[in-house]
Amino acid sequence: MLRLTSHITLGDFNLDFVNDVQIESTWQQLTDTCVIRVPRRILVLGGKSLPDAVKVGDRVIVNYGYDGELRTEFTGYVVAVKTGPPAEITCEDDMWLLKRKPMTMSWRSVSLQTLLEYVRDKSGQSFPIQTLGAVDLGKFTINQATGAQVLEALRKDYGIRTFFREGTLVAGDPYKARATAPRHVLTFRRNVVSNDLSYARQEDFRIKVRAISHVSGPRKGKKRVVKEFGDPDGELRTLNFSGVPADQLEARAKEELARLRFDGYRGSLTTFGIPHIEHGDVVLIQDPDYPEREGAFSVDKVSKSFGIGGSRRLITLGPKA
């Protein structure tokens, strides 16, 4: 039987025991979060209880695994402490560093890479940046906004997702990287603990699409091109693009729509602490009772839990890979 082991760093303190750890990790949100629960009466050097000694802004590293084979599952910073019992320490990943300092800047034309480098440097950080494809944003203005608010504007106005992965700020369409993403096999009655999956066919879905592209206008800056198509009474999905001209917008949007309509599983499933599945990975789902339903799917979100109750990963599926 595998034995759960952990090592957690909270500022100057190290723990090898926790009541519970809950981690939410997804490219759909700017920030990954982690909640650590420990006994209220853990004492540290000087006789203080751990919750009283931990401070907002302390560095956090969460490692856990089986039989002493530890893996880093979360890195970030303390953002809140509740004394409990049990004591509850709430943490955010490196995106927390971009929520603290407002900045102001304007460009007549700027690339995504240049914008992200400016946000990083003005925040006083030095993390690597990875852009999934070159993007020209055109005219762009920052007016007393934090770095995180700038990244949120990229999501809302341009459809560009940003998130941290292993200390690197990643920007772009996460599905573009799935050809080289890690792949894992999940098989019912073997390493799937439970699931709420449903199997559906593409004709079961009615979707109305609103496609928006930000393209160069007759003057400096960008203008919005909007096209709508699909089922008039269908569920509305809004897709944002950057630099896609009007005559190509519908074709590009239909490519995206094909990712939403497919024969396959929707929903989530729970597995053990291994394999080490992360969002952006690809999982191959196998069901011995329905072998014809086998398929590979992108992972949109992973909720990790570790503690007295064991180690689990709740995997939320995206489109077919």
C-alpha atoms as a PDB file:
ATOM      1  CA  MET A   1       0.000   0.000   0.000  1.00  0.00           C
ATOM      2  CA  LEU A   2       1.328   3.416  -0.943  1.00  0.00           C
ATOM      3  CA  ARG A   3       2.086   5.823   1.897  1.00  0.00           C
ATOM      4  CA  LEU A   4       1.192   9.522   1.574  1.00  0.00           C
ATOM      5  CA  THR A   5       4.111  11.885   2.198  1.00  0.00           C
ATOM      6  CA  SER A   6       4.437  15.664   1.961  1.00  0.00           C
ATOM      7  CA  HIS A   7       6.769  18.590   2.518  1.00  0.00           C
ATOM      8  CA  ILE A   8       5.324  22.104   2.634  1.00  0.00           C
ATOM      9  CA  THR A   9       7.265  25.342   2.969  1.00  0.00           C
ATOM     10  CA  LEU A  10       5.475  28.359   4.467  1.00  0.00           C
ATOM     11  CA  GLY A  11       7.890  31.272   4.644  1.00  0.00           C
ATOM     12  CA  ASP A  12      10.625  30.208   7.072  1.00  0.00           C
ATOM     13  CA  PHE A  13       8.747  27.107   8.247  1.00  0.00           C
ATOM     14  CA  ASN A  14       8.658  23.553   6.925  1.00  0.00           C
ATOM     15  CA  LEU A  15       5.891  21.006   7.541  1.00  0.00           C
ATOM     16  CA  ASP A  16       5.697  17.293   6.826  1.00  0.00           C
ATOM     17  CA  PHE A  17       2.065  16.969   7.956  1.00  0.00           C
ATOM     18  CA  VAL A  18      -1.198  18.655   6.948  1.00  0.00           C
ATOM     19  CA  ASN A  19      -4.868  18.018   7.592  1.00  0.00           C
ATOM     20  CA  ASP A  20      -5.750  18.870   4.033  1.00  0.00           C
ATOM     21  CA  VAL A  21      -4.554  20.638   0.883  1.00  0.00           C
ATOM     22  CA  GLN A  22      -6.935  21.837  -1.859  1.00  0.00           C
ATOM     23  CA  ILE A  23      -5.514  23.217  -5.123  1.00  0.00           C
ATOM     24  CA  GLU A  24      -7.511  24.691  -8.017  1.00  0.00           C
ATOM     25  CA  SER A  25      -5.533  24.883 -11.266  1.00  0.00           C
ATOM     26  CA  THR A  26      -6.943  25.963 -14.648  1.00  0.00           C
ATOM     27  CA  TRP A  27      -6.021  28.071 -17.655  1.00  0.00           C
ATOM     28  CA  GLN A  28      -9.571  29.461 -17.609  1.00  0.00           C
ATOM     29  CA  GLN A  29      -8.710  31.696 -14.637  1.00  0.00           C
ATOM     30  CA  LEU A  30      -5.758  34.034 -14.150  1.00  0.00           C
ATOM     31  CA  THR A  31      -4.847  32.655 -10.750  1.00  0.00           C
ATOM     32  CA  ASP A  32      -4.329  29.158  -9.366  1.00  0.00           C
ATOM     33  CA  THR A  33      -5.242  28.891  -5.695  1.00  0.00           C
ATOM     34  CA  CYS A  34      -4.269  26.636  -2.793  1.00  0.00           C
ATOM     35  CA  VAL A  35      -5.816  26.232   0.668  1.00  0.00           C
ATOM     36  CA  ILE A  36      -3.714  24.512   3.349  1.00  0.00           C
ATOM     37  CA  ARG A  37      -5.343  23.334   6.568  1.00  0.00           C
ATOM     38  CA  VAL A  38      -3.183  22.458   9.567  1.00  0.00           C
ATOM     39  CA  PRO A  39      -3.828  21.866  13.289  1.00  0.00           C
ATOM     40  CA  ARG A  40      -4.272  25.149  15.174  1.00  0.00           C
ATOM     41  CA  ARG A  41      -1.794  24.207  17.906  1.00  0.00           C
ATOM     42  CA  ILE A  42       1.282  23.503  15.777  1.00  0.00           C
ATOM     43  CA  LEU A  43       4.068  25.435  17.521  1.00  0.00           C
ATOM     44  CA  VAL A  44       7.152  26.911  15.866  1.00  0.00           C
ATOM     45  CA  LEU A  45      10.443  28.274  17.183  1.00  0.00           C
ATOM     46  CA  GLY A  46       9.760  30.891  19.836  1.00  0.00           C
ATOM     47  CA  GLY A  47       6.578  29.218  21.081  1.00  0.00           C
ATOM     48  CA  LYS A  48       4.230  30.860  18.561  1.00  0.00           C
ATOM     49  CA  SER A  49       1.518  28.848  16.856  1.00  0.00           C
ATOM     50  CA  LEU A  50       2.110  28.400  13.131  1.00  0.00           C
ATOM     51  CA  PRO A  51      -0.957  30.432  12.037  1.00  0.00           C
ATOM     52  CA  ASP A  52       0.288  33.386  14.114  1.00  0.00           C
ATOM     53  CA  ALA A  53       3.798  33.119  12.627  1.00  0.00           C
ATOM     54  CA  VAL A  54       2.804  32.874   8.949  1.00  0.00           C
ATOM     55  CA  LYS A  55       2.396  36.246   7.195  1.00  0.00           C
ATOM     56  CA  VAL A  56       0.703  37.458   4.026  1.00  0.00           C
ATOM     57  CA  GLY A  57       3.323  37.481   1.268  1.00  0.00           C
ATOM     58  CA  ASP A  58       5.281  34.495   2.609  1.00  0.00           C
ATOM     59  CA  ARG A  59       6.534  32.164  -0.117  1.00  0.00           C
ATOM     60  CA  VAL A  60       4.703  28.825  -0.360  1.00  0.00           C
ATOM     61  CA  ILE A  61       5.911  25.566  -1.910  1.00  0.00           C
ATOM     62  CA  VAL A  62       3.680  22.502  -1.708  1.00  0.00           C
ATOM     63  CA  ASN A  63       5.282  19.127  -2.401  1.00  0.00           C
ATOM     64  CA  TYR A  64       3.520  15.815  -1.919  1.00  0.00           C
ATOM     65  CA  GLY A  65       3.376  12.293  -3.278  1.00  0.00           C
ATOM     66  CA  TYR A  66       3.690   8.664  -2.313  1.00  0.00           C
ATOM     67  CA  ASP A  67       6.443   6.839  -0.391  1.00  0.00           C
ATOM     68  CA  GLY A  68       8.757   9.833  -0.248  1.00  0.00           C
ATOM     69  CA  GLU A  69       8.643  10.543  -3.998  1.00  0.00           C
ATOM     70  CA  LEU A  70       7.541  14.153  -3.771  1.00  0.00           C
ATOM     71  CA  ARG A  71       6.403  16.406  -6.597  1.00  0.00           C
ATOM     72  CA  THR A  72       5.894  20.163  -6.549  1.00  0.00           C
ATOM     73  CA  GLU A  73       2.140  20.620  -6.918  1.00  0.00           C
ATOM     74  CA  PHE A  74       1.894  24.354  -6.135  1.00  0.00           C
ATOM     75  CA  THR A  75       4.084  27.401  -5.682  1.00  0.00           C
ATOM     76  CA  GLY A  76       2.890  30.845  -4.702  1.00  0.00           C
ATOM     77  CA  TYR A  77       2.305  33.231  -1.811  1.00  0.00           C
ATOM     78  CA  VAL A  78       0.169  33.463   1.315  1.00  0.00           C
ATOM     79  CA  VAL A  79      -2.759  35.848   0.818  1.00  0.00           C
ATOM     80  CA  ALA A  80      -4.839  35.159   3.960  1.00  0.00           C
ATOM     81  CA  VAL A  81      -4.647  33.259   7.249  1.00  0.00           C
ATOM     82  CA  LYS A  82      -7.573  32.031   9.390  1.00  0.00           C
ATOM     83  CA  THR A  83      -6.678  30.734  12.831  1.00  0.00           C
ATOM     84  CA  GLY A  84      -9.339  28.012  12.854  1.00  0.00           C
ATOM     85  CA  PRO A  85      -9.389  25.375  14.157  1.00  0.00           C
ATOM     86  CA  PRO A  86      -8.138  23.982  11.929  1.00  0.00           C
ATOM     87  CA  ALA A  87      -5.957  26.839  10.768  1.00  0.00           C
ATOM     88  CA  GLU A  88      -6.568  27.701   7.120  1.00  0.00           C
ATOM     89  CA  ILE A  89      -3.887  29.317   4.958  1.00  0.00           C
ATOM     90  CA  THR A  90      -5.050  30.619   1.577  1.00  0.00           C
ATOM     91  CA  CYS A  91      -2.465  31.047  -1.188  1.00  0.00           C
ATOM     92  CA  GLU A  92      -2.291  32.289  -4.778  1.00  0.00           C
ATOM     93  CA  ASP A  93       0.262  31.453  -7.458  1.00  0.00           C
ATOM     94  CA  ASP A  94       2.740  33.919  -8.980  1.00  0.00           C
ATOM     95  CA  MET A  95      -0.118  35.966 -10.446  1.00  0.00           C
ATOM     96  CA  TRP A  96      -0.347  37.534  -6.960  1.00  0.00           C
ATOM     97  CA  LEU A  97       2.860  39.420  -7.771  1.00  0.00           C
ATOM     98  CA  LEU A  98       1.067  41.176 -10.643  1.00  0.00           C
ATOM     99  CA  LYS A  99      -1.839  42.402  -8.477  1.00  0.00           C
ATOM    100  CA  ARG A 100       0.083  44.871  -6.391  1.00  0.00           C
ATOM    101  CA  LYS A 101       1.506  47.716  -8.488  1.00  0.00           C
ATOM    102  CA  PRO A 102      -0.520  49.957 -10.858  1.00  0.00           C
ATOM    103  CA  MET A 103       1.101  51.166 -14.078  1.00  0.00           C
ATOM    104  CA  THR A 104       0.366  53.566 -16.927  1.00  0.00           C
ATOM    105  CA  MET A 105       1.599  53.302 -20.508  1.00  0.00           C
ATOM    106  CA  SER A 106       0.378  53.777 -24.076  1.00  0.00           C
ATOM    107  CA  TRP A 107       1.550  52.339 -27.413  1.00  0.00           C
ATOM    108  CA  ARG A 108       0.528  53.222 -30.947  1.00  0.00           C
ATOM    109  CA  SER A 109       1.238  49.602 -31.781  1.00  0.00           C
ATOM    110  CA  VAL A 110       2.540  46.820 -29.558  1.00  0.00           C
ATOM    111  CA  SER A 111       3.062  43.073 -29.781  1.00  0.00           C
ATOM    112  CA  LEU A 112       1.794  40.669 -27.137  1.00  0.00           C
ATOM    113  CA  GLN A 113       5.371  39.729 -26.211  1.00  0.00           C
ATOM    114  CA  THR A 114       6.401  43.372 -25.703  1.00  0.00           C
ATOM    115  CA  LEU A 115       3.307  44.109 -23.615  1.00  0.00           C
ATOM    116  CA  LEU A 116       3.924  41.130 -21.332  1.00  0.00           C
ATOM    117  CA  GLU A 117       7.581  42.056 -20.900  1.00  0.00           C
ATOM    118  CA  TYR A 118       6.544  45.578 -19.897  1.00  0.00           C
ATOM    119  CA  VAL A 119       4.030  44.234 -17.345  1.00  0.00           C
ATOM    120  CA  ARG A 120       6.654  41.899 -15.915  1.00  0.00           C
ATOM    121  CA  ASP A 121       9.383  44.513 -15.680  1.00  0.00           C
ATOM    122  CA  LYS A 122       7.131  47.223 -14.178  1.00  0.00           C
ATOM    123  CA  SER A 123       6.016  44.697 -11.568  1.00  0.00           C
ATOM    124  CA  GLY A 124       9.659  44.197 -10.587  1.00  0.00           C
ATOM    125  CA  GLN A 125       9.720  40.535 -11.616  1.00  0.00           C
ATOM    126  CA  SER A 126      11.967  38.414 -13.870  1.00  0.00           C
ATOM    127  CA  PHE A 127       9.932  35.321 -14.769  1.00  0.00           C
ATOM    128  CA  PRO A 128      10.146  33.770 -18.282  1.00  0.00           C
ATOM    129  CA  ILE A 129       7.372  34.450 -20.806  1.00  0.00           C
ATOM    130  CA  GLN A 130       5.989  32.019 -23.384  1.00  0.00           C
ATOM    131  CA  THR A 131       3.568  33.217 -26.058  1.00  0.00           C
ATOM    132  CA  LEU A 132       1.637  30.571 -27.998  1.00  0.00           C
ATOM    133  CA  GLY A 133       1.843  32.376 -31.336  1.00  0.00           C
ATOM    134  CA  ALA A 134       2.835  35.936 -32.280  1.00  0.00           C
ATOM    135  CA  VAL A 135       0.068  38.541 -31.856  1.00  0.00           C
ATOM    136  CA  ASP A 136       0.029  42.229 -32.844  1.00  0.00           C
ATOM    137  CA  LEU A 137      -2.316  44.079 -30.494  1.00  0.00           C
ATOM    138  CA  GLY A 138      -2.155  47.424 -32.302  1.00  0.00           C
ATOM    139  CA  LYS A 139      -2.917  50.477 -30.162  1.00  0.00           C
ATOM    140  CA  PHE A 140      -2.974  49.624 -26.454  1.00  0.00           C
ATOM    141  CA  THR A 141      -3.334  51.787 -23.358  1.00  0.00           C
ATOM    142  CA  ILE A 142      -2.796  51.004 -19.680  1.00  0.00           C
ATOM    143  CA  ASN A 143      -4.236  53.560 -17.286  1.00  0.00           C
ATOM    144  CA  GLN A 144      -3.430  52.973 -13.613  1.00  0.00           C
ATOM    145  CA  ALA A 145      -4.035  49.223 -13.920  1.00  0.00           C
ATOM    146  CA  THR A 146      -2.159  46.405 -12.236  1.00  0.00           C
ATOM    147  CA  GLY A 147      -0.465  43.734 -14.314  1.00  0.00           C
ATOM    148  CA  ALA A 148      -3.247  41.280 -13.494  1.00  0.00           C
ATOM    149  CA  GLN A 149      -5.866  43.783 -14.673  1.00  0.00           C
ATOM    150  CA  VAL A 150      -3.982  44.165 -17.957  1.00  0.00           C
ATOM    151  CA  LEU A 151      -4.002  40.389 -18.419  1.00  0.00           C
ATOM    152  CA  GLU A 152      -7.718  40.285 -17.653  1.00  0.00           C
ATOM    153  CA  ALA A 153      -8.277  42.930 -20.362  1.00  0.00           C
ATOM    154  CA  LEU A 154      -6.414  40.705 -22.822  1.00  0.00           C
ATOM    155  CA  ARG A 155      -8.857  37.907 -22.018  1.00  0.00           C
ATOM    156  CA  LYS A 156     -12.006  40.017 -22.278  1.00  0.00           C
ATOM    157  CA  ASP A 157     -11.087  42.129 -25.302  1.00  0.00           C
ATOM    158  CA  TYR A 158      -8.836  39.824 -27.318  1.00  0.00           C
ATOM    159  CA  GLY A 159      -9.631  36.311 -26.123  1.00  0.00           C
ATOM    160  CA  ILE A 160      -5.988  35.841 -25.063  1.00  0.00           C
ATOM    161  CA  ARG A 161      -5.594  33.609 -22.004  1.00  0.00           C
ATOM    162  CA  THR A 162      -2.690  34.005 -19.598  1.00  0.00           C
ATOM    163  CA  PHE A 163      -1.612  31.783 -16.725  1.00  0.00           C
ATOM    164  CA  PHE A 164       1.487  30.678 -14.853  1.00  0.00           C
ATOM    165  CA  ARG A 165       2.967  27.229 -15.311  1.00  0.00           C
ATOM    166  CA  GLU A 166       6.024  26.200 -13.327  1.00  0.00           C
ATOM    167  CA  GLY A 167       7.031  29.844 -12.911  1.00  0.00           C
ATOM    168  CA  THR A 168       6.569  30.785 -16.602  1.00  0.00           C
ATOM    169  CA  LEU A 169       3.862  33.199 -17.739  1.00  0.00           C
ATOM    170  CA  VAL A 170       2.085  31.542 -20.674  1.00  0.00           C
ATOM    171  CA  ALA A 171      -0.139  33.541 -23.045  1.00  0.00           C
ATOM    172  CA  GLY A 172      -2.275  32.418 -25.971  1.00  0.00           C
ATOM    173  CA  ASP A 173      -4.558  29.552 -26.938  1.00  0.00           C
ATOM    174  CA  PRO A 174      -3.661  26.592 -24.675  1.00  0.00           C
ATOM    175  CA  TYR A 175      -5.081  24.128 -27.208  1.00  0.00           C
ATOM    176  CA  LYS A 176      -2.359  25.096 -29.679  1.00  0.00           C
ATOM    177  CA  ALA A 177       0.177  23.302 -27.497  1.00  0.00           C
ATOM    178  CA  ARG A 178      -1.696  20.017 -27.178  1.00  0.00           C
ATOM    179  CA  ALA A 179       0.226  18.284 -29.981  1.00  0.00           C
ATOM    180  CA  THR A 180       3.267  18.230 -27.677  1.00  0.00           C
ATOM    181  CA  ALA A 181       1.377  18.092 -24.357  1.00  0.00           C
ATOM    182  CA  PRO A 182       1.909  15.192 -21.910  1.00  0.00           C
ATOM    183  CA  ARG A 183      -0.587  12.355 -22.489  1.00  0.00           C
ATOM    184  CA  HIS A 184      -2.107  10.037 -19.878  1.00  0.00           C
ATOM    185  CA  VAL A 185      -4.356   6.962 -20.040  1.00  0.00           C
ATOM    186  CA  LEU A 186      -7.391   6.804 -17.723  1.00  0.00           C
ATOM    187  CA  THR A 187      -9.333   3.538 -17.705  1.00  0.00           C
ATOM    188  CA  PHE A 188     -12.610   2.853 -15.907  1.00  0.00           C
ATOM    189  CA  ARG A 189     -12.303   0.275 -13.096  1.00  0.00           C
ATOM    190  CA  ARG A 190      -8.523   0.739 -13.108  1.00  0.00           C
ATOM    191  CA  ASN A 191      -7.413   4.271 -12.254  1.00  0.00           C
ATOM    192  CA  VAL A 192     -10.729   6.170 -12.420  1.00  0.00           C
ATOM    193  CA  VAL A 193     -12.182   6.512  -8.910  1.00  0.00           C
ATOM    194  CA  SER A 194     -15.495   8.125  -9.914  1.00  0.00           C
ATOM    195  CA  ASN A 195     -16.972  10.276 -12.668  1.00  0.00           C
ATOM    196  CA  ASP A 196     -19.925  12.396 -13.719  1.00  0.00           C
ATOM    197  CA  LEU A 197     -19.209  12.027 -17.427  1.00  0.00           C
ATOM    198  CA  SER A 198     -21.909  12.023 -20.068  1.00  0.00           C
ATOM    199  CA  TYR A 199     -21.437  10.837 -23.630  1.00  0.00           C
ATOM    200  CA  ALA A 200     -23.068  12.980 -26.287  1.00  0.00           C
ATOM    201  CA  ARG A 201     -23.016  13.384 -30.055  1.00  0.00           C
ATOM    202  CA  GLN A 202     -22.360  16.606 -31.910  1.00  0.00           C
ATOM    203  CA  GLU A 203     -25.895  16.842 -33.297  1.00  0.00           C
ATOM    204  CA  ASP A 204     -27.235  17.025 -29.725  1.00  0.00           C
ATOM    205  CA  PHE A 205     -25.912  20.585 -29.301  1.00  0.00           C
ATOM    206  CA  ARG A 206     -27.462  23.795 -30.544  1.00  0.00           C
ATOM    207  CA  ILE A 207     -25.016  26.697 -30.435  1.00  0.00           C
ATOM    208  CA  LYS A 208     -25.141  30.311 -31.610  1.00  0.00           C
ATOM    209  CA  VAL A 209     -21.734  31.871 -32.186  1.00  0.00           C
ATOM    210  CA  ARG A 210     -20.743  35.523 -31.907  1.00  0.00           C
ATOM    211  CA  ALA A 211     -17.258  35.926 -33.390  1.00  0.00           C
ATOM    212  CA  ILE A 212     -15.335  39.141 -32.627  1.00  0.00           C
ATOM    213  CA  SER A 213     -12.030  40.098 -34.216  1.00  0.00           C
ATOM    214  CA  HIS A 214      -9.828  43.095 -33.433  1.00  0.00           C
ATOM    215  CA  VAL A 215      -8.253  44.234 -36.705  1.00  0.00           C
ATOM    216  CA  SER A 216      -6.311  47.270 -37.893  1.00  0.00           C
ATOM    217  CA  GLY A 217      -8.589  50.182 -38.692  1.00  0.00           C
ATOM    218  CA  PRO A 218      -8.189  52.986 -41.224  1.00  0.00           C
ATOM    219  CA  ARG A 219      -6.486  54.990 -38.482  1.00  0.00           C
ATOM    220  CA  LYS A 220      -4.065  54.000 -35.773  1.00  0.00           C
ATOM    221  CA  GLY A 221      -5.465  51.380 -33.484  1.00  0.00           C
ATOM    222  CA  LYS A 222      -7.949  48.515 -33.773  1.00  0.00           C
ATOM    223  CA  LYS A 223     -11.583  48.166 -34.774  1.00  0.00           C
ATOM    224  CA  ARG A 224     -14.014  45.373 -33.886  1.00  0.00           C
ATOM    225  CA  VAL A 225     -15.480  43.110 -36.553  1.00  0.00           C
ATOM    226  CA  VAL A 226     -18.461  41.052 -35.366  1.00  0.00           C
ATOM    227  CA  LYS A 227     -20.174  38.130 -37.107  1.00  0.00           C
ATOM    228  CA  GLU A 228     -22.924  35.862 -35.790  1.00  0.00           C
ATOM    229  CA  PHE A 229     -24.028  32.484 -37.118  1.00  0.00           C
ATOM    230  CA  GLY A 230     -25.234  29.074 -35.985  1.00  0.00           C
ATOM    231  CA  ASP A 231     -28.532  28.060 -34.407  1.00  0.00           C
ATOM    232  CA  PRO A 232     -30.657  31.166 -33.700  1.00  0.00           C
ATOM    233  CA  ASP A 233     -32.129  29.572 -30.570  1.00  0.00           C
ATOM    234  CA  GLY A 234     -28.876  27.951 -29.474  1.00  0.00           C
ATOM    235  CA  GLU A 235     -26.641  28.625 -26.490  1.00  0.00           C
ATOM    236  CA  LEU A 236     -24.592  31.784 -27.160  1.00  0.00           C
ATOM    237  CA  ARG A 237     -20.820  31.337 -27.312  1.00  0.00           C
ATOM    238  CA  THR A 238     -18.613  34.388 -27.826  1.00  0.00           C
ATOM    239  CA  LEU A 239     -15.240  33.846 -29.517  1.00  0.00           C
ATOM    240  CA  ASN A 240     -12.563  36.550 -29.575  1.00  0.00           C
ATOM    241  CA  PHE A 241      -9.787  36.784 -32.161  1.00  0.00           C
ATOM    242  CA  SER A 242      -6.987  39.215 -32.857  1.00  0.00           C
ATOM    243  CA  GLY A 243      -5.974  40.207 -36.391  1.00  0.00           C
ATOM    244  CA  VAL A 244      -8.400  37.908 -38.247  1.00  0.00           C
ATOM    245  CA  PRO A 245      -9.848  39.884 -41.230  1.00  0.00           C
ATOM    246  CA  ALA A 246     -13.594  40.010 -41.818  1.00  0.00           C
ATOM    247  CA  ASP A 247     -13.519  37.671 -44.827  1.00  0.00           C
ATOM    248  CA  GLN A 248     -11.795  34.958 -42.749  1.00  0.00           C
ATOM    249  CA  LEU A 249     -13.573  35.463 -39.463  1.00  0.00           C
ATOM    250  CA  GLU A 250     -16.490  33.087 -40.007  1.00  0.00           C
ATOM    251  CA  ALA A 251     -14.225  30.288 -41.261  1.00  0.00           C
ATOM    252  CA  ARG A 252     -11.928  30.650 -38.248  1.00  0.00           C
ATOM    253  CA  ALA A 253     -14.886  30.757 -35.887  1.00  0.00           C
ATOM    254  CA  LYS A 254     -16.312  27.578 -37.418  1.00  0.00           C
ATOM    255  CA  GLU A 255     -12.997  25.866 -36.737  1.00  0.00           C
ATOM    256  CA  GLU A 256     -13.389  26.862 -33.095  1.00  0.00           C
ATOM    257  CA  LEU A 257     -17.019  25.730 -33.123  1.00  0.00           C
ATOM    258  CA  ALA A 258     -15.905  22.272 -34.263  1.00  0.00           C
ATOM    259  CA  ARG A 259     -14.046  22.013 -30.946  1.00  0.00           C
ATOM    260  CA  LEU A 260     -17.310  22.570 -29.086  1.00  0.00           C
ATOM    261  CA  ARG A 261     -19.365  20.112 -31.132  1.00  0.00           C
ATOM    262  CA  PHE A 262     -17.995  16.584 -31.086  1.00  0.00           C
ATOM    263  CA  ASP A 263     -18.922  12.996 -30.335  1.00  0.00           C
ATOM    264  CA  GLY A 264     -17.440  12.222 -26.944  1.00  0.00           C
ATOM    265  CA  TYR A 265     -17.409  12.708 -23.208  1.00  0.00           C
ATOM    266  CA  ARG A 266     -18.275  15.868 -21.338  1.00  0.00           C
ATOM    267  CA  GLY A 267     -17.822  16.465 -17.637  1.00  0.00           C
ATOM    268  CA  SER A 268     -15.225  15.409 -15.092  1.00  0.00           C
ATOM    269  CA  LEU A 269     -13.677  12.342 -13.503  1.00  0.00           C
ATOM    270  CA  THR A 270     -11.660  11.679 -10.381  1.00  0.00           C
ATOM    271  CA  THR A 271      -8.405   9.736 -10.333  1.00  0.00           C
ATOM    272  CA  PHE A 272      -5.670   9.151  -7.762  1.00  0.00           C
ATOM    273  CA  GLY A 273      -2.658  11.390  -7.045  1.00  0.00           C
ATOM    274  CA  ILE A 274      -0.928   9.700  -9.971  1.00  0.00           C
ATOM    275  CA  PRO A 275      -0.700  10.036 -12.908  1.00  0.00           C
ATOM    276  CA  HIS A 276       0.392  13.666 -12.537  1.00  0.00           C
ATOM    277  CA  ILE A 277      -2.217  15.263 -14.787  1.00  0.00           C
ATOM    278  CA  GLU A 278      -2.211  19.055 -15.209  1.00  0.00           C
ATOM    279  CA  HIS A 279      -4.434  21.411 -17.195  1.00  0.00           C
ATOM    280  CA  GLY A 280      -3.274  21.571 -20.803  1.00  0.00           C
ATOM    281  CA  ASP A 281      -2.413  17.857 -20.782  1.00  0.00           C
ATOM    282  CA  VAL A 282      -4.282  15.275 -22.853  1.00  0.00           C
ATOM    283  CA  VAL A 283      -6.066  12.248 -21.370  1.00  0.00           C
ATOM    284  CA  LEU A 284      -7.068   9.114 -23.284  1.00  0.00           C
ATOM    285  CA  ILE A 285     -10.267   7.744 -21.741  1.00  0.00           C
ATOM    286  CA  GLN A 286     -10.964   4.030 -22.067  1.00  0.00           C
ATOM    287  CA  ASP A 287     -14.108   2.155 -20.995  1.00  0.00           C
ATOM    288  CA  PRO A 288     -13.895  -1.654 -21.253  1.00  0.00           C
ATOM    289  CA  ASP A 289     -17.707  -1.803 -21.511  1.00  0.00           C
ATOM    290  CA  TYR A 290     -17.860   0.695 -24.398  1.00  0.00           C
ATOM    291  CA  PRO A 291     -14.561   0.450 -26.297  1.00  0.00           C
ATOM    292  CA  GLU A 292     -16.045   2.368 -29.231  1.00  0.00           C
ATOM    293  CA  ARG A 293     -16.251   5.490 -27.035  1.00  0.00           C
ATOM    294  CA  GLU A 294     -12.498   5.685 -26.461  1.00  0.00           C
ATOM    295  CA  GLY A 295     -11.138   9.158 -27.136  1.00  0.00           C
ATOM    296  CA  ALA A 296      -8.455  11.698 -26.284  1.00  0.00           C
ATOM    297  CA  PHE A 297      -9.483  14.956 -24.612  1.00  0.00           C
ATOM    298  CA  SER A 298      -7.784  18.159 -23.531  1.00  0.00           C
ATOM    299  CA  VAL A 299      -7.765  18.912 -19.806  1.00  0.00           C
ATOM    300  CA  ASP A 300      -9.226  22.311 -18.896  1.00  0.00           C
ATOM    301  CA  LYS A 301      -9.004  22.162 -15.116  1.00  0.00           C
ATOM    302  CA  VAL A 302      -7.503  20.056 -12.330  1.00  0.00           C
ATOM    303  CA  SER A 303      -8.689  20.210  -8.713  1.00  0.00           C
ATOM    304  CA  LYS A 304      -6.130  18.511  -6.476  1.00  0.00           C
ATOM    305  CA  SER A 305      -6.688  17.281  -2.938  1.00  0.00           C
ATOM    306  CA  PHE A 306      -4.233  15.758  -0.480  1.00  0.00           C
ATOM    307  CA  GLY A 307      -4.403  14.928   3.194  1.00  0.00           C
ATOM    308  CA  ILE A 308      -5.980  12.604   5.723  1.00  0.00           C
ATOM    309  CA  GLY A 309      -8.538  11.454   3.144  1.00  0.00           C
ATOM    310  CA  GLY A 310      -5.930  10.507   0.542  1.00  0.00           C
ATOM    311  CA  SER A 311      -4.699  12.065  -2.707  1.00  0.00           C
ATOM    312  CA  ARG A 312      -7.049  12.741  -5.612  1.00  0.00           C
ATOM    313  CA  ARG A 313      -7.242  14.695  -8.855  1.00  0.00           C
ATOM    314  CA  LEU A 314     -10.579  15.880 -10.227  1.00  0.00           C
ATOM    315  CA  ILE A 315     -10.100  16.266 -13.984  1.00  0.00           C
ATOM    316  CA  THR A 316     -12.414  18.561 -15.977  1.00  0.00           C
ATOM    317  CA  LEU A 317     -12.409  17.702 -19.672  1.00  0.00           C
ATOM    318  CA  GLY A 318     -12.210  20.109 -22.569  1.00  0.00           C
ATOM    319  CA  PRO A 319     -12.711  19.336 -26.272  1.00  0.00           C
ATOM    320  CA  LYS A 320     -11.375  16.335 -28.142  1.00  0.00           C
ATOM    321  CA  ALA A 321      -7.645  16.432 -28.742  1.00  0.00           C
END
